[in-house]
């Protein structure tokens, strides 16, 4: 009985630790990461100014800079929030919209705007975004 209880406790904490490390690390696709590693600052500036740059690219660039500890990530996250206006008008796919709502929540989370982050995490849950990390981030914003 004591062994079973101990095993359950260990499994619970292992799951918590694994979800924390999985949810805290946004993965950038390897082909995109290779591309970014070759870019100069001028190329990133061009990307930022190009109105055709899609939301996922902007999010990946912001994440790329955030993981490197570069404060430029904040400018990219702000650009993401600005471009979301155009996304709402162009994308009618419910599941991609739900995932973008979750990304928007993470953007506000990384910008330390926890009130807006909480709002968008709640909306992402209501929109049925399949990512299990939503609850993890929601819990972090409501500490």
Protein backbone atom coordinates (compact mmCIF):
# COMPACT_ATOMS: atom_id res chain seq x y z
CA UNK A 1 0.00 0.00 0.00
CA UNK A 2 2.77 2.44 0.94
CA UNK A 3 4.72 1.51 -2.19
CA UNK A 4 1.69 2.16 -4.39
CA UNK A 5 1.10 5.52 -2.78
CA UNK A 6 4.77 6.44 -3.16
CA UNK A 7 4.67 5.41 -6.83
CA UNK A 8 1.61 7.58 -7.43
CA UNK A 9 3.26 10.58 -5.80
CA UNK A 10 6.43 10.08 -7.86
CA UNK A 11 4.41 9.74 -11.08
CA UNK A 12 2.44 12.88 -10.28
CA UNK A 13 5.57 14.96 -9.72
CA UNK A 14 7.25 13.49 -12.79
CA UNK A 15 4.25 14.51 -14.87
CA UNK A 16 4.28 18.03 -13.43
CA UNK A 17 8.00 18.43 -14.15
CA UNK A 18 7.65 17.04 -17.68
CA UNK A 19 4.70 19.27 -18.52
CA UNK A 20 6.57 22.28 -17.19
CA UNK A 21 9.62 21.67 -19.37
CA UNK A 22 7.50 20.76 -22.40
CA UNK A 23 5.20 23.76 -22.14
CA UNK A 24 7.94 26.25 -21.33
CA UNK A 25 9.92 25.43 -24.46
CA UNK A 26 8.34 26.53 -27.71
CA UNK A 27 9.77 24.47 -30.51
CA UNK A 28 10.78 26.19 -33.68
CA UNK A 29 10.72 23.86 -36.69
CA UNK A 30 14.28 22.81 -37.56
CA UNK A 31 14.11 24.14 -41.13
CA UNK A 32 12.97 27.54 -39.81
CA UNK A 33 15.67 27.52 -37.13
CA UNK A 34 18.39 26.80 -39.73
CA UNK A 35 17.10 29.69 -41.79
CA UNK A 36 17.10 32.09 -38.83
CA UNK A 37 20.65 31.12 -37.84
CA UNK A 38 21.81 32.32 -41.28
CA UNK A 39 19.94 35.62 -41.15
CA UNK A 40 21.64 38.92 -40.51
CA UNK A 41 20.00 41.70 -38.52
CA UNK A 42 19.11 43.41 -41.82
CA UNK A 43 17.17 40.34 -42.94
CA UNK A 44 15.18 40.28 -39.69
CA UNK A 45 14.47 44.01 -40.05
CA UNK A 46 13.20 43.38 -43.60
CA UNK A 47 10.95 40.61 -42.30
CA UNK A 48 9.56 42.92 -39.63
CA UNK A 49 8.74 45.63 -42.16
CA UNK A 50 7.20 43.27 -44.74
CA UNK A 51 3.41 43.38 -44.48
CA UNK A 52 3.17 39.90 -46.00
CA UNK A 53 5.08 38.19 -43.18
CA UNK A 54 2.69 35.65 -41.68
CA UNK A 55 1.82 35.27 -38.00
CA UNK A 56 3.63 31.98 -37.49
CA UNK A 57 6.88 33.41 -38.85
CA UNK A 58 6.56 36.44 -36.57
CA UNK A 59 5.88 34.17 -33.59
CA UNK A 60 8.87 31.94 -34.42
CA UNK A 61 11.18 34.95 -34.78
CA UNK A 62 10.01 36.32 -31.42
CA UNK A 63 10.56 32.91 -29.83
CA UNK A 64 13.97 32.64 -31.48
CA UNK A 65 15.07 35.94 -29.94
CA UNK A 66 13.47 35.15 -26.56
CA UNK A 67 15.33 31.83 -26.29
CA UNK A 68 18.56 33.67 -27.04
CA UNK A 69 17.81 36.18 -24.27
CA UNK A 70 17.52 39.03 -26.79
CA UNK A 71 15.10 41.79 -25.81
CA UNK A 72 14.21 42.28 -29.49
CA UNK A 73 11.68 39.51 -28.89
CA UNK A 74 9.34 42.03 -27.28
CA UNK A 75 9.16 44.08 -30.50
CA UNK A 76 8.30 40.92 -32.42
CA UNK A 77 5.64 39.91 -29.91
CA UNK A 78 4.08 43.37 -30.19
CA UNK A 79 4.12 43.03 -33.98
CA UNK A 80 2.31 39.70 -33.54
CA UNK A 81 -0.48 41.36 -31.54
CA UNK A 82 -0.80 44.07 -34.21
CA UNK A 83 -1.03 41.56 -37.06
CA UNK A 84 -3.70 39.52 -35.29
CA UNK A 85 -6.28 42.10 -36.43
CA UNK A 86 -5.73 41.08 -40.04
CA UNK A 87 -5.72 37.39 -39.18
CA UNK A 88 -9.26 37.53 -37.75
CA UNK A 89 -10.56 38.89 -41.02
CA UNK A 90 -8.75 36.39 -43.24
CA UNK A 91 -8.89 33.01 -41.44
CA UNK A 92 -12.22 31.26 -40.97
CA UNK A 93 -10.78 27.90 -39.84
CA UNK A 94 -11.95 27.35 -36.24
CA UNK A 95 -9.08 25.12 -35.11
CA UNK A 96 -6.35 27.39 -36.46
CA UNK A 97 -8.11 30.37 -34.86
CA UNK A 98 -8.24 28.55 -31.52
CA UNK A 99 -4.51 27.84 -31.68
CA UNK A 100 -3.76 31.44 -32.63
CA UNK A 101 -5.80 32.61 -29.63
CA UNK A 102 -3.56 30.41 -27.47
CA UNK A 103 -0.43 31.86 -29.12
CA UNK A 104 -1.78 35.34 -28.49
CA UNK A 105 -2.19 34.43 -24.82
CA UNK A 106 1.43 33.24 -24.72
CA UNK A 107 2.54 36.47 -26.38
CA UNK A 108 0.84 38.52 -23.68
CA UNK A 109 2.34 36.17 -21.09
CA UNK A 110 5.86 36.79 -22.45
CA UNK A 111 5.13 40.53 -22.48
CA UNK A 112 4.24 40.21 -18.75
CA UNK A 113 0.66 41.31 -19.45
CA UNK A 114 -0.94 38.60 -17.33
CA UNK A 115 -4.48 40.02 -17.35
CA UNK A 116 -4.73 39.84 -21.16
CA UNK A 117 -2.90 36.49 -21.16
CA UNK A 118 -5.51 35.05 -18.80
CA UNK A 119 -8.30 36.36 -21.03
CA UNK A 120 -6.87 34.74 -24.16
CA UNK A 121 -6.02 31.44 -22.44
CA UNK A 122 -9.63 31.26 -21.28
CA UNK A 123 -10.85 32.06 -24.80
CA UNK A 124 -8.54 29.39 -26.26
CA UNK A 125 -10.00 26.80 -23.90
CA UNK A 126 -13.54 27.87 -24.88
CA UNK A 127 -12.54 27.65 -28.58
CA UNK A 128 -11.33 24.08 -27.95
CA UNK A 129 -7.66 24.52 -28.81
CA UNK A 130 -6.20 21.00 -28.46
CA UNK A 131 -2.91 22.07 -26.83
CA UNK A 132 -2.75 20.77 -23.23
CA UNK A 133 -0.30 23.52 -22.24
CA UNK A 134 -3.12 26.07 -22.08
CA UNK A 135 -3.98 24.97 -18.55
CA UNK A 136 -0.34 25.17 -17.53
CA UNK A 137 -0.01 28.77 -18.74
CA UNK A 138 -3.42 29.71 -17.31
CA UNK A 139 -2.27 28.45 -13.93
CA UNK A 140 0.97 30.45 -14.20
CA UNK A 141 -0.93 33.66 -14.94
CA UNK A 142 -3.34 33.27 -12.05
CA UNK A 143 -0.77 32.55 -9.32
